[in-house]
Amino acid sequence: MQACRLTLGGIGNLVKGMKPSDKLITRLVQSIFKDLKAEKTIVFKEDEDKVFQRAIELIKQEYQKESALEDEVNRMMDKLENDNPGQFQRFKMFPLLKKKLAKEKGIIL
């Protein structure tokens, strides 16, 4: 199984290769909902369980987008490496290319 890379604001270098499990995503959404309800900053217009499931679905979709982006960057890196052997360092080029593609595609890292 290939892990995707998660970046969190300024600590992107601290959280590499993290692909959260369904259990972790569920706990994350539970925690967010609990905090929002405790602070009375959320009002549900739909059934709370329906909103909860939708939140989980959206988070999973975002991780899938980032994983697909990383696959695309890896393919581009492979092509660049084949076309220009030994002319760049993959580990330096990958985050730059990923950030640029994410910006072009509107993906928030």
PDB file of N, CA and C in Angstrom:
ATOM      1  N   MET A   1       0.836  -1.170   0.000  1.00  0.00           N
ATOM      2  CA  MET A   1       0.000   0.000   0.000  1.00  0.00           C
ATOM      3  C   MET A   1       0.883   1.235   0.000  1.00  0.00           C
ATOM      4  N   GLN A   2       0.573   2.184  -0.857  1.00  0.00           N
ATOM      5  CA  GLN A   2       1.343   3.425  -0.941  1.00  0.00           C
ATOM      6  C   GLN A   2       0.690   4.478  -0.064  1.00  0.00           C
ATOM      7  N   ALA A   3       1.480   5.100   0.781  1.00  0.00           N
ATOM      8  CA  ALA A   3       0.955   6.139   1.668  1.00  0.00           C
ATOM      9  C   ALA A   3       0.942   7.470   0.942  1.00  0.00           C
ATOM     10  N   CYS A   4      -0.043   8.275   1.227  1.00  0.00           N
ATOM     11  CA  CYS A   4      -0.083   9.623   0.663  1.00  0.00           C
ATOM     12  C   CYS A   4       0.576  10.574   1.653  1.00  0.00           C
ATOM     13  N   ARG A   5       0.888  11.744   1.211  1.00  0.00           N
ATOM     14  CA  ARG A   5       1.555  12.722   2.059  1.00  0.00           C
ATOM     15  C   ARG A   5       0.548  13.769   2.498  1.00  0.00           C
ATOM     16  N   LEU A   6       0.508  14.008   3.752  1.00  0.00           N
ATOM     17  CA  LEU A   6      -0.392  14.999   4.326  1.00  0.00           C
ATOM     18  C   LEU A   6       0.428  16.194   4.747  1.00  0.00           C
ATOM     19  N   THR A   7      -0.012  17.358   4.376  1.00  0.00           N
ATOM     20  CA  THR A   7       0.672  18.565   4.822  1.00  0.00           C
ATOM     21  C   THR A   7      -0.307  19.387   5.631  1.00  0.00           C
ATOM     22  N   LEU A   8       0.148  19.885   6.751  1.00  0.00           N
ATOM     23  CA  LEU A   8      -0.694  20.675   7.629  1.00  0.00           C
ATOM     24  C   LEU A   8      -0.054  22.034   7.844  1.00  0.00           C
ATOM     25  N   GLY A   9      -0.471  23.002   7.081  1.00  0.00           N
ATOM     26  CA  GLY A   9       0.055  24.353   7.236  1.00  0.00           C
ATOM     27  C   GLY A   9       1.560  24.383   7.235  1.00  0.00           C
ATOM     28  N   GLY A  10       2.147  24.958   8.269  1.00  0.00           N
ATOM     29  CA  GLY A  10       3.588  25.106   8.348  1.00  0.00           C
ATOM     30  C   GLY A  10       4.323  23.878   8.821  1.00  0.00           C
ATOM     31  N   ILE A  11       3.608  22.799   9.152  1.00  0.00           N
ATOM     32  CA  ILE A  11       4.307  21.632   9.663  1.00  0.00           C
ATOM     33  C   ILE A  11       4.317  20.485   8.662  1.00  0.00           C
ATOM     34  N   GLY A  12       4.248  20.802   7.393  1.00  0.00           N
ATOM     35  CA  GLY A  12       4.212  19.782   6.358  1.00  0.00           C
ATOM     36  C   GLY A  12       5.357  18.799   6.416  1.00  0.00           C
ATOM     37  N   ASN A  13       6.533  19.246   6.837  1.00  0.00           N
ATOM     38  CA  ASN A  13       7.674  18.356   6.898  1.00  0.00           C
ATOM     39  C   ASN A  13       7.617  17.394   8.074  1.00  0.00           C
ATOM     40  N   LEU A  14       6.745  17.638   9.025  1.00  0.00           N
ATOM     41  CA  LEU A  14       6.641  16.776  10.191  1.00  0.00           C
ATOM     42  C   LEU A  14       5.664  15.634   9.998  1.00  0.00           C
ATOM     43  N   VAL A  15       4.791  15.735   9.011  1.00  0.00           N
ATOM     44  CA  VAL A  15       3.736  14.741   8.830  1.00  0.00           C
ATOM     45  C   VAL A  15       3.832  14.179   7.414  1.00  0.00           C
ATOM     46  N   LYS A  16       4.819  13.329   7.178  1.00  0.00           N
ATOM     47  CA  LYS A  16       5.006  12.748   5.850  1.00  0.00           C
ATOM     48  C   LYS A  16       4.448  11.336   5.818  1.00  0.00           C
ATOM     49  N   GLY A  17       3.888  10.983   4.677  1.00  0.00           N
ATOM     50  CA  GLY A  17       3.447   9.623   4.470  1.00  0.00           C
ATOM     51  C   GLY A  17       2.269   9.198   5.317  1.00  0.00           C
ATOM     52  N   MET A  18       1.515  10.137   5.812  1.00  0.00           N
ATOM     53  CA  MET A  18       0.388   9.793   6.663  1.00  0.00           C
ATOM     54  C   MET A  18      -0.869   9.620   5.825  1.00  0.00           C
ATOM     55  N   LYS A  19      -1.459   8.455   5.927  1.00  0.00           N
ATOM     56  CA  LYS A  19      -2.757   8.228   5.298  1.00  0.00           C
ATOM     57  C   LYS A  19      -3.697   7.784   6.410  1.00  0.00           C
ATOM     58  N   PRO A  20      -4.586   8.663   6.836  1.00  0.00           N
ATOM     59  CA  PRO A  20      -5.429   8.337   7.984  1.00  0.00           C
ATOM     60  C   PRO A  20      -6.410   7.202   7.678  1.00  0.00           C
ATOM     61  N   SER A  21      -6.630   6.393   8.668  1.00  0.00           N
ATOM     62  CA  SER A  21      -7.597   5.301   8.539  1.00  0.00           C
ATOM     63  C   SER A  21      -9.013   5.868   8.635  1.00  0.00           C
ATOM     64  N   ASP A  22      -9.972   5.045   8.261  1.00  0.00           N
ATOM     65  CA  ASP A  22     -11.372   5.454   8.385  1.00  0.00           C
ATOM     66  C   ASP A  22     -11.707   5.752   9.847  1.00  0.00           C
ATOM     67  N   LYS A  23     -11.143   4.962  10.739  1.00  0.00           N
ATOM     68  CA  LYS A  23     -11.379   5.160  12.172  1.00  0.00           C
ATOM     69  C   LYS A  23     -10.851   6.521  12.622  1.00  0.00           C
ATOM     70  N   LEU A  24      -9.665   6.891  12.160  1.00  0.00           N
ATOM     71  CA  LEU A  24      -9.079   8.178  12.530  1.00  0.00           C
ATOM     72  C   LEU A  24      -9.893   9.341  11.973  1.00  0.00           C
ATOM     73  N   ILE A  25     -10.341   9.219  10.740  1.00  0.00           N
ATOM     74  CA  ILE A  25     -11.166  10.271  10.139  1.00  0.00           C
ATOM     75  C   ILE A  25     -12.468  10.426  10.923  1.00  0.00           C
ATOM     76  N   THR A  26     -13.080   9.313  11.298  1.00  0.00           N
ATOM     77  CA  THR A  26     -14.312   9.361  12.074  1.00  0.00           C
ATOM     78  C   THR A  26     -14.082  10.061  13.412  1.00  0.00           C
ATOM     79  N   ARG A  27     -12.982   9.713  14.085  1.00  0.00           N
ATOM     80  CA  ARG A  27     -12.679  10.359  15.361  1.00  0.00           C
ATOM     81  C   ARG A  27     -12.408  11.846  15.187  1.00  0.00           C
ATOM     82  N   LEU A  28     -11.762  12.211  14.095  1.00  0.00           N
ATOM     83  CA  LEU A  28     -11.491  13.620  13.806  1.00  0.00           C
ATOM     84  C   LEU A  28     -12.802  14.389  13.656  1.00  0.00           C
ATOM     85  N   VAL A  29     -13.717  13.850  12.870  1.00  0.00           N
ATOM     86  CA  VAL A  29     -15.010  14.517  12.652  1.00  0.00           C
ATOM     87  C   VAL A  29     -15.801  14.566  13.964  1.00  0.00           C
ATOM     88  N   GLN A  30     -15.773  13.491  14.741  1.00  0.00           N
ATOM     89  CA  GLN A  30     -16.456  13.490  16.038  1.00  0.00           C
ATOM     90  C   GLN A  30     -15.914  14.607  16.929  1.00  0.00           C
ATOM     91  N   SER A  31     -14.611  14.736  16.958  1.00  0.00           N
ATOM     92  CA  SER A  31     -13.982  15.759  17.789  1.00  0.00           C
ATOM     93  C   SER A  31     -14.374  17.163  17.333  1.00  0.00           C
ATOM     94  N   ILE A  32     -14.369  17.381  16.049  1.00  0.00           N
ATOM     95  CA  ILE A  32     -14.745  18.695  15.506  1.00  0.00           C
ATOM     96  C   ILE A  32     -16.198  19.007  15.834  1.00  0.00           C
ATOM     97  N   PHE A  33     -17.081  18.040  15.605  1.00  0.00           N
ATOM     98  CA  PHE A  33     -18.499  18.248  15.904  1.00  0.00           C
ATOM     99  C   PHE A  33     -18.698  18.524  17.391  1.00  0.00           C
ATOM    100  N   LYS A  34     -18.030  17.754  18.242  1.00  0.00           N
ATOM    101  CA  LYS A  34     -18.158  17.928  19.694  1.00  0.00           C
ATOM    102  C   LYS A  34     -17.763  19.345  20.102  1.00  0.00           C
ATOM    103  N   ASP A  35     -16.613  19.811  19.578  1.00  0.00           N
ATOM    104  CA  ASP A  35     -16.143  21.157  19.906  1.00  0.00           C
ATOM    105  C   ASP A  35     -17.094  22.229  19.389  1.00  0.00           C
ATOM    106  N   LEU A  36     -17.556  22.074  18.164  1.00  0.00           N
ATOM    107  CA  LEU A  36     -18.473  23.071  17.592  1.00  0.00           C
ATOM    108  C   LEU A  36     -19.795  23.128  18.355  1.00  0.00           C
ATOM    109  N   LYS A  37     -20.277  21.967  18.751  1.00  0.00           N
ATOM    110  CA  LYS A  37     -21.533  21.936  19.519  1.00  0.00           C
ATOM    111  C   LYS A  37     -21.321  22.520  20.916  1.00  0.00           C
ATOM    112  N   ALA A  38     -20.196  22.226  21.539  1.00  0.00           N
ATOM    113  CA  ALA A  38     -19.907  22.754  22.879  1.00  0.00           C
ATOM    114  C   ALA A  38     -19.802  24.275  22.860  1.00  0.00           C
ATOM    115  N   GLU A  39     -19.260  24.811  21.797  1.00  0.00           N
ATOM    116  CA  GLU A  39     -19.116  26.262  21.666  1.00  0.00           C
ATOM    117  C   GLU A  39     -20.369  26.909  21.093  1.00  0.00           C
ATOM    118  N   LYS A  40     -21.341  26.074  20.744  1.00  0.00           N
ATOM    119  CA  LYS A  40     -22.601  26.545  20.150  1.00  0.00           C
ATOM    120  C   LYS A  40     -22.358  27.388  18.891  1.00  0.00           C
ATOM    121  N   THR A  41     -21.420  26.904  18.073  1.00  0.00           N
ATOM    122  CA  THR A  41     -21.098  27.604  16.829  1.00  0.00           C
ATOM    123  C   THR A  41     -21.624  26.869  15.604  1.00  0.00           C
ATOM    124  N   ILE A  42     -22.424  25.837  15.821  1.00  0.00           N
ATOM    125  CA  ILE A  42     -22.962  25.080  14.697  1.00  0.00           C
ATOM    126  C   ILE A  42     -24.442  24.802  14.939  1.00  0.00           C
ATOM    127  N   VAL A  43     -25.216  24.936  13.869  1.00  0.00           N
ATOM    128  CA  VAL A  43     -26.638  24.598  13.890  1.00  0.00           C
ATOM    129  C   VAL A  43     -26.873  23.714  12.677  1.00  0.00           C
ATOM    130  N   PHE A  44     -27.416  22.535  12.910  1.00  0.00           N
ATOM    131  CA  PHE A  44     -27.643  21.588  11.821  1.00  0.00           C
ATOM    132  C   PHE A  44     -28.979  21.862  11.148  1.00  0.00           C
ATOM    133  N   LYS A  45     -28.946  22.033   9.827  1.00  0.00           N
ATOM    134  CA  LYS A  45     -30.174  22.206   9.061  1.00  0.00           C
ATOM    135  C   LYS A  45     -30.701  20.853   8.599  1.00  0.00           C
ATOM    136  N   GLU A  46     -29.822  19.863   8.629  1.00  0.00           N
ATOM    137  CA  GLU A  46     -30.175  18.483   8.278  1.00  0.00           C
ATOM    138  C   GLU A  46     -29.935  17.620   9.510  1.00  0.00           C
ATOM    139  N   ASP A  47     -30.306  16.361   9.414  1.00  0.00           N
ATOM    140  CA  ASP A  47     -30.059  15.407  10.484  1.00  0.00           C
ATOM    141  C   ASP A  47     -28.549  15.354  10.773  1.00  0.00           C
ATOM    142  N   GLU A  48     -28.179  15.398  12.036  1.00  0.00           N
ATOM    143  CA  GLU A  48     -26.761  15.434  12.420  1.00  0.00           C
ATOM    144  C   GLU A  48     -25.993  14.229  11.876  1.00  0.00           C
ATOM    145  N   ASP A  49     -26.593  13.054  11.881  1.00  0.00           N
ATOM    146  CA  ASP A  49     -25.910  11.870  11.356  1.00  0.00           C
ATOM    147  C   ASP A  49     -25.626  11.998   9.859  1.00  0.00           C
ATOM    148  N   LYS A  50     -26.551  12.605   9.151  1.00  0.00           N
ATOM    149  CA  LYS A  50     -26.373  12.815   7.712  1.00  0.00           C
ATOM    150  C   LYS A  50     -25.208  13.792   7.468  1.00  0.00           C
ATOM    151  N   VAL A  51     -25.152  14.859   8.249  1.00  0.00           N
ATOM    152  CA  VAL A  51     -24.067  15.839   8.131  1.00  0.00           C
ATOM    153  C   VAL A  51     -22.744  15.192   8.519  1.00  0.00           C
ATOM    154  N   PHE A  52     -22.762  14.375   9.549  1.00  0.00           N
ATOM    155  CA  PHE A  52     -21.573  13.673  10.016  1.00  0.00           C
ATOM    156  C   PHE A  52     -20.999  12.783   8.914  1.00  0.00           C
ATOM    157  N   GLN A  53     -21.865  11.997   8.284  1.00  0.00           N
ATOM    158  CA  GLN A  53     -21.416  11.106   7.201  1.00  0.00           C
ATOM    159  C   GLN A  53     -20.886  11.905   6.010  1.00  0.00           C
ATOM    160  N   ARG A  54     -21.523  13.025   5.726  1.00  0.00           N
ATOM    161  CA  ARG A  54     -21.069  13.880   4.610  1.00  0.00           C
ATOM    162  C   ARG A  54     -19.700  14.471   4.916  1.00  0.00           C
ATOM    163  N   ALA A  55     -19.457  14.858   6.159  1.00  0.00           N
ATOM    164  CA  ALA A  55     -18.157  15.404   6.553  1.00  0.00           C
ATOM    165  C   ALA A  55     -17.066  14.351   6.378  1.00  0.00           C
ATOM    166  N   ILE A  56     -17.355  13.125   6.784  1.00  0.00           N
ATOM    167  CA  ILE A  56     -16.395  12.032   6.610  1.00  0.00           C
ATOM    168  C   ILE A  56     -16.101  11.819   5.131  1.00  0.00           C
ATOM    169  N   GLU A  57     -17.142  11.816   4.343  1.00  0.00           N
ATOM    170  CA  GLU A  57     -17.016  11.625   2.890  1.00  0.00           C
ATOM    171  C   GLU A  57     -16.137  12.724   2.263  1.00  0.00           C
ATOM    172  N   LEU A  58     -16.362  13.968   2.662  1.00  0.00           N
ATOM    173  CA  LEU A  58     -15.588  15.087   2.123  1.00  0.00           C
ATOM    174  C   LEU A  58     -14.099  14.984   2.491  1.00  0.00           C
ATOM    175  N   ILE A  59     -13.824  14.592   3.720  1.00  0.00           N
ATOM    176  CA  ILE A  59     -12.428  14.455   4.145  1.00  0.00           C
ATOM    177  C   ILE A  59     -11.750  13.342   3.344  1.00  0.00           C
ATOM    178  N   LYS A  60     -12.436  12.228   3.171  1.00  0.00           N
ATOM    179  CA  LYS A  60     -11.873  11.125   2.376  1.00  0.00           C
ATOM    180  C   LYS A  60     -11.600  11.576   0.941  1.00  0.00           C
ATOM    181  N   GLN A  61     -12.522  12.343   0.378  1.00  0.00           N
ATOM    182  CA  GLN A  61     -12.340  12.841  -0.994  1.00  0.00           C
ATOM    183  C   GLN A  61     -11.106  13.729  -1.097  1.00  0.00           C
ATOM    184  N   GLU A  62     -10.877  14.557  -0.088  1.00  0.00           N
ATOM    185  CA  GLU A  62      -9.702  15.430  -0.105  1.00  0.00           C
ATOM    186  C   GLU A  62      -8.406  14.625  -0.059  1.00  0.00           C
ATOM    187  N   TYR A  63      -8.376  13.584   0.750  1.00  0.00           N
ATOM    188  CA  TYR A  63      -7.191  12.723   0.791  1.00  0.00           C
ATOM    189  C   TYR A  63      -6.999  12.002  -0.539  1.00  0.00           C
ATOM    190  N   GLN A  64      -8.097  11.603  -1.174  1.00  0.00           N
ATOM    191  CA  GLN A  64      -7.999  10.946  -2.473  1.00  0.00           C
ATOM    192  C   GLN A  64      -7.463  11.914  -3.527  1.00  0.00           C
ATOM    193  N   LYS A  65      -7.888  13.174  -3.468  1.00  0.00           N
ATOM    194  CA  LYS A  65      -7.378  14.188  -4.399  1.00  0.00           C
ATOM    195  C   LYS A  65      -5.874  14.359  -4.231  1.00  0.00           C
ATOM    196  N   GLU A  66      -5.435  14.438  -2.979  1.00  0.00           N
ATOM    197  CA  GLU A  66      -4.002  14.621  -2.730  1.00  0.00           C
ATOM    198  C   GLU A  66      -3.216  13.396  -3.181  1.00  0.00           C
ATOM    199  N   SER A  67      -3.766  12.223  -2.957  1.00  0.00           N
ATOM    200  CA  SER A  67      -3.104  10.997  -3.389  1.00  0.00           C
ATOM    201  C   SER A  67      -2.988  10.960  -4.918  1.00  0.00           C
ATOM    202  N   ALA A  68      -4.052  11.343  -5.610  1.00  0.00           N
ATOM    203  CA  ALA A  68      -4.028  11.392  -7.072  1.00  0.00           C
ATOM    204  C   ALA A  68      -3.015  12.429  -7.562  1.00  0.00           C
ATOM    205  N   LEU A  69      -2.935  13.559  -6.862  1.00  0.00           N
ATOM    206  CA  LEU A  69      -1.961  14.592  -7.205  1.00  0.00           C
ATOM    207  C   LEU A  69      -0.546  14.042  -7.059  1.00  0.00           C
ATOM    208  N   GLU A  70      -0.289  13.326  -5.978  1.00  0.00           N
ATOM    209  CA  GLU A  70       1.038  12.753  -5.766  1.00  0.00           C
ATOM    210  C   GLU A  70       1.381  11.732  -6.843  1.00  0.00           C
ATOM    211  N   ASP A  71       0.401  10.939  -7.261  1.00  0.00           N
ATOM    212  CA  ASP A  71       0.628   9.985  -8.349  1.00  0.00           C
ATOM    213  C   ASP A  71       1.007  10.714  -9.628  1.00  0.00           C
ATOM    214  N   GLU A  72       0.299  11.803  -9.905  1.00  0.00           N
ATOM    215  CA  GLU A  72       0.593  12.596 -11.102  1.00  0.00           C
ATOM    216  C   GLU A  72       1.994  13.203 -11.026  1.00  0.00           C
ATOM    217  N   VAL A  73       2.348  13.734  -9.861  1.00  0.00           N
ATOM    218  CA  VAL A  73       3.679  14.315  -9.679  1.00  0.00           C
ATOM    219  C   VAL A  73       4.748  13.237  -9.853  1.00  0.00           C
ATOM    220  N   ASN A  74       4.511  12.057  -9.299  1.00  0.00           N
ATOM    221  CA  ASN A  74       5.479  10.969  -9.455  1.00  0.00           C
ATOM    222  C   ASN A  74       5.656  10.570 -10.914  1.00  0.00           C
ATOM    223  N   ARG A  75       4.557  10.527 -11.668  1.00  0.00           N
ATOM    224  CA  ARG A  75       4.665  10.225 -13.099  1.00  0.00           C
ATOM    225  C   ARG A  75       5.467  11.313 -13.821  1.00  0.00           C
ATOM    226  N   MET A  76       5.200  12.572 -13.482  1.00  0.00           N
ATOM    227  CA  MET A  76       5.944  13.672 -14.096  1.00  0.00           C
ATOM    228  C   MET A  76       7.431  13.590 -13.732  1.00  0.00           C
ATOM    229  N   MET A  77       7.704  13.261 -12.477  1.00  0.00           N
ATOM    230  CA  MET A  77       9.086  13.137 -12.022  1.00  0.00           C
ATOM    231  C   MET A  77       9.791  11.995 -12.751  1.00  0.00           C
ATOM    232  N   ASP A  78       9.096  10.878 -12.937  1.00  0.00           N
ATOM    233  CA  ASP A  78       9.682   9.752 -13.673  1.00  0.00           C
ATOM    234  C   ASP A  78      10.029  10.163 -15.094  1.00  0.00           C
ATOM    235  N   LYS A  79       9.118  10.893 -15.738  1.00  0.00           N
ATOM    236  CA  LYS A  79       9.361  11.345 -17.118  1.00  0.00           C
ATOM    237  C   LYS A  79      10.547  12.309 -17.157  1.00  0.00           C
ATOM    238  N   LEU A  80      10.572  13.265 -16.232  1.00  0.00           N
ATOM    239  CA  LEU A  80      11.687  14.210 -16.178  1.00  0.00           C
ATOM    240  C   LEU A  80      13.019  13.500 -15.941  1.00  0.00           C
ATOM    241  N   GLU A  81      12.979  12.517 -15.061  1.00  0.00           N
ATOM    242  CA  GLU A  81      14.193  11.768 -14.734  1.00  0.00           C
ATOM    243  C   GLU A  81      14.690  10.969 -15.933  1.00  0.00           C
ATOM    244  N   ASN A  82      13.746  10.392 -16.680  1.00  0.00           N
ATOM    245  CA  ASN A  82      14.130   9.644 -17.880  1.00  0.00           C
ATOM    246  C   ASN A  82      14.667  10.565 -18.970  1.00  0.00           C
ATOM    247  N   ASP A  83      14.055  11.743 -19.115  1.00  0.00           N
ATOM    248  CA  ASP A  83      14.470  12.688 -20.147  1.00  0.00           C
ATOM    249  C   ASP A  83      15.775  13.399 -19.782  1.00  0.00           C
ATOM    250  N   ASN A  84      16.013  13.612 -18.491  1.00  0.00           N
ATOM    251  CA  ASN A  84      17.187  14.353 -18.028  1.00  0.00           C
ATOM    252  C   ASN A  84      17.876  13.612 -16.876  1.00  0.00           C
ATOM    253  N   PRO A  85      18.488  12.476 -17.149  1.00  0.00           N
ATOM    254  CA  PRO A  85      19.073  11.703 -16.055  1.00  0.00           C
ATOM    255  C   PRO A  85      20.178  12.471 -15.326  1.00  0.00           C
ATOM    256  N   GLY A  86      20.092  12.434 -13.990  1.00  0.00           N
ATOM    257  CA  GLY A  86      21.133  13.031 -13.160  1.00  0.00           C
ATOM    258  C   GLY A  86      21.174  14.544 -13.123  1.00  0.00           C
ATOM    259  N   GLN A  87      20.139  15.225 -13.621  1.00  0.00           N
ATOM    260  CA  GLN A  87      20.181  16.686 -13.676  1.00  0.00           C
ATOM    261  C   GLN A  87      19.393  17.376 -12.570  1.00  0.00           C
ATOM    262  N   PHE A  88      18.737  16.615 -11.741  1.00  0.00           N
ATOM    263  CA  PHE A  88      18.037  17.231 -10.606  1.00  0.00           C
ATOM    264  C   PHE A  88      17.888  16.213  -9.488  1.00  0.00           C
ATOM    265  N   GLN A  89      17.615  16.737  -8.307  1.00  0.00           N
ATOM    266  CA  GLN A  89      17.414  15.868  -7.151  1.00  0.00           C
ATOM    267  C   GLN A  89      15.922  15.707  -6.915  1.00  0.00           C
ATOM    268  N   ARG A  90      15.482  14.476  -7.041  1.00  0.00           N
ATOM    269  CA  ARG A  90      14.061  14.167  -6.962  1.00  0.00           C
ATOM    270  C   ARG A  90      13.428  14.669  -5.661  1.00  0.00           C
ATOM    271  N   PHE A  91      14.097  14.469  -4.532  1.00  0.00           N
ATOM    272  CA  PHE A  91      13.519  14.847  -3.242  1.00  0.00           C
ATOM    273  C   PHE A  91      13.342  16.350  -3.110  1.00  0.00           C
ATOM    274  N   LYS A  92      14.117  17.133  -3.847  1.00  0.00           N
ATOM    275  CA  LYS A  92      13.943  18.590  -3.818  1.00  0.00           C
ATOM    276  C   LYS A  92      12.871  19.043  -4.804  1.00  0.00           C
ATOM    277  N   MET A  93      12.811  18.349  -5.930  1.00  0.00           N
ATOM    278  CA  MET A  93      11.891  18.740  -6.993  1.00  0.00           C
ATOM    279  C   MET A  93      10.447  18.353  -6.672  1.00  0.00           C
ATOM    280  N   PHE A  94      10.261  17.219  -5.993  1.00  0.00           N
ATOM    281  CA  PHE A  94       8.906  16.709  -5.730  1.00  0.00           C
ATOM    282  C   PHE A  94       8.019  17.722  -5.011  1.00  0.00           C
ATOM    283  N   PRO A  95       8.452  18.277  -3.849  1.00  0.00           N
ATOM    284  CA  PRO A  95       7.548  19.212  -3.160  1.00  0.00           C
ATOM    285  C   PRO A  95       7.266  20.482  -3.958  1.00  0.00           C
ATOM    286  N   LEU A  96       8.246  20.930  -4.732  1.00  0.00           N
ATOM    287  CA  LEU A  96       8.030  22.129  -5.545  1.00  0.00           C
ATOM    288  C   LEU A  96       6.985  21.876  -6.625  1.00  0.00           C
ATOM    289  N   LEU A  97       7.130  20.744  -7.296  1.00  0.00           N
ATOM    290  CA  LEU A  97       6.200  20.396  -8.360  1.00  0.00           C
ATOM    291  C   LEU A  97       4.808  20.119  -7.790  1.00  0.00           C
ATOM    292  N   LYS A  98       4.753  19.455  -6.652  1.00  0.00           N
ATOM    293  CA  LYS A  98       3.468  19.153  -6.024  1.00  0.00           C
ATOM    294  C   LYS A  98       2.752  20.444  -5.632  1.00  0.00           C
ATOM    295  N   LYS A  99       3.479  21.361  -5.032  1.00  0.00           N
ATOM    296  CA  LYS A  99       2.882  22.630  -4.610  1.00  0.00           C
ATOM    297  C   LYS A  99       2.355  23.410  -5.816  1.00  0.00           C
ATOM    298  N   LYS A 100       3.135  23.415  -6.896  1.00  0.00           N
ATOM    299  CA  LYS A 100       2.719  24.144  -8.101  1.00  0.00           C
ATOM    300  C   LYS A 100       1.468  23.512  -8.715  1.00  0.00           C
ATOM    301  N   LEU A 101       1.461  22.198  -8.857  1.00  0.00           N
ATOM    302  CA  LEU A 101       0.298  21.520  -9.423  1.00  0.00           C
ATOM    303  C   LEU A 101      -0.934  21.677  -8.532  1.00  0.00           C
ATOM    304  N   ALA A 102      -0.735  21.607  -7.228  1.00  0.00           N
ATOM    305  CA  ALA A 102      -1.857  21.772  -6.299  1.00  0.00           C
ATOM    306  C   ALA A 102      -2.487  23.151  -6.468  1.00  0.00           C
ATOM    307  N   LYS A 103      -1.640  24.152  -6.604  1.00  0.00           N
ATOM    308  CA  LYS A 103      -2.144  25.517  -6.790  1.00  0.00           C
ATOM    309  C   LYS A 103      -2.924  25.634  -8.098  1.00  0.00           C
ATOM    310  N   GLU A 104      -2.375  25.037  -9.179  1.00  0.00           N
ATOM    311  CA  GLU A 104      -3.046  25.092 -10.474  1.00  0.00           C
ATOM    312  C   GLU A 104      -4.400  24.373 -10.446  1.00  0.00           C
ATOM    313  N   LYS A 105      -4.471  23.286  -9.692  1.00  0.00           N
ATOM    314  CA  LYS A 105      -5.694  22.484  -9.652  1.00  0.00           C
ATOM    315  C   LYS A 105      -6.644  22.890  -8.521  1.00  0.00           C
ATOM    316  N   GLY A 106      -6.219  23.855  -7.705  1.00  0.00           N
ATOM    317  CA  GLY A 106      -7.067  24.323  -6.620  1.00  0.00           C
ATOM    318  C   GLY A 106      -7.172  23.362  -5.447  1.00  0.00           C
ATOM    319  N   ILE A 107      -6.124  22.554  -5.257  1.00  0.00           N
ATOM    320  CA  ILE A 107      -6.103  21.598  -4.149  1.00  0.00           C
ATOM    321  C   ILE A 107      -5.373  22.241  -2.976  1.00  0.00           C
ATOM    322  N   ILE A 108      -5.997  22.223  -1.825  1.00  0.00           N
ATOM    323  CA  ILE A 108      -5.390  22.798  -0.640  1.00  0.00           C
ATOM    324  C   ILE A 108      -4.609  21.705   0.074  1.00  0.00           C
ATOM    325  N   LEU A 109      -3.342  21.968   0.278  1.00  0.00           N
ATOM    326  CA  LEU A 109      -2.488  20.965   0.946  1.00  0.00           C
ATOM    327  C   LEU A 109      -2.403  21.247   2.425  1.00  0.00           C
TER     328      LEU A 109
END
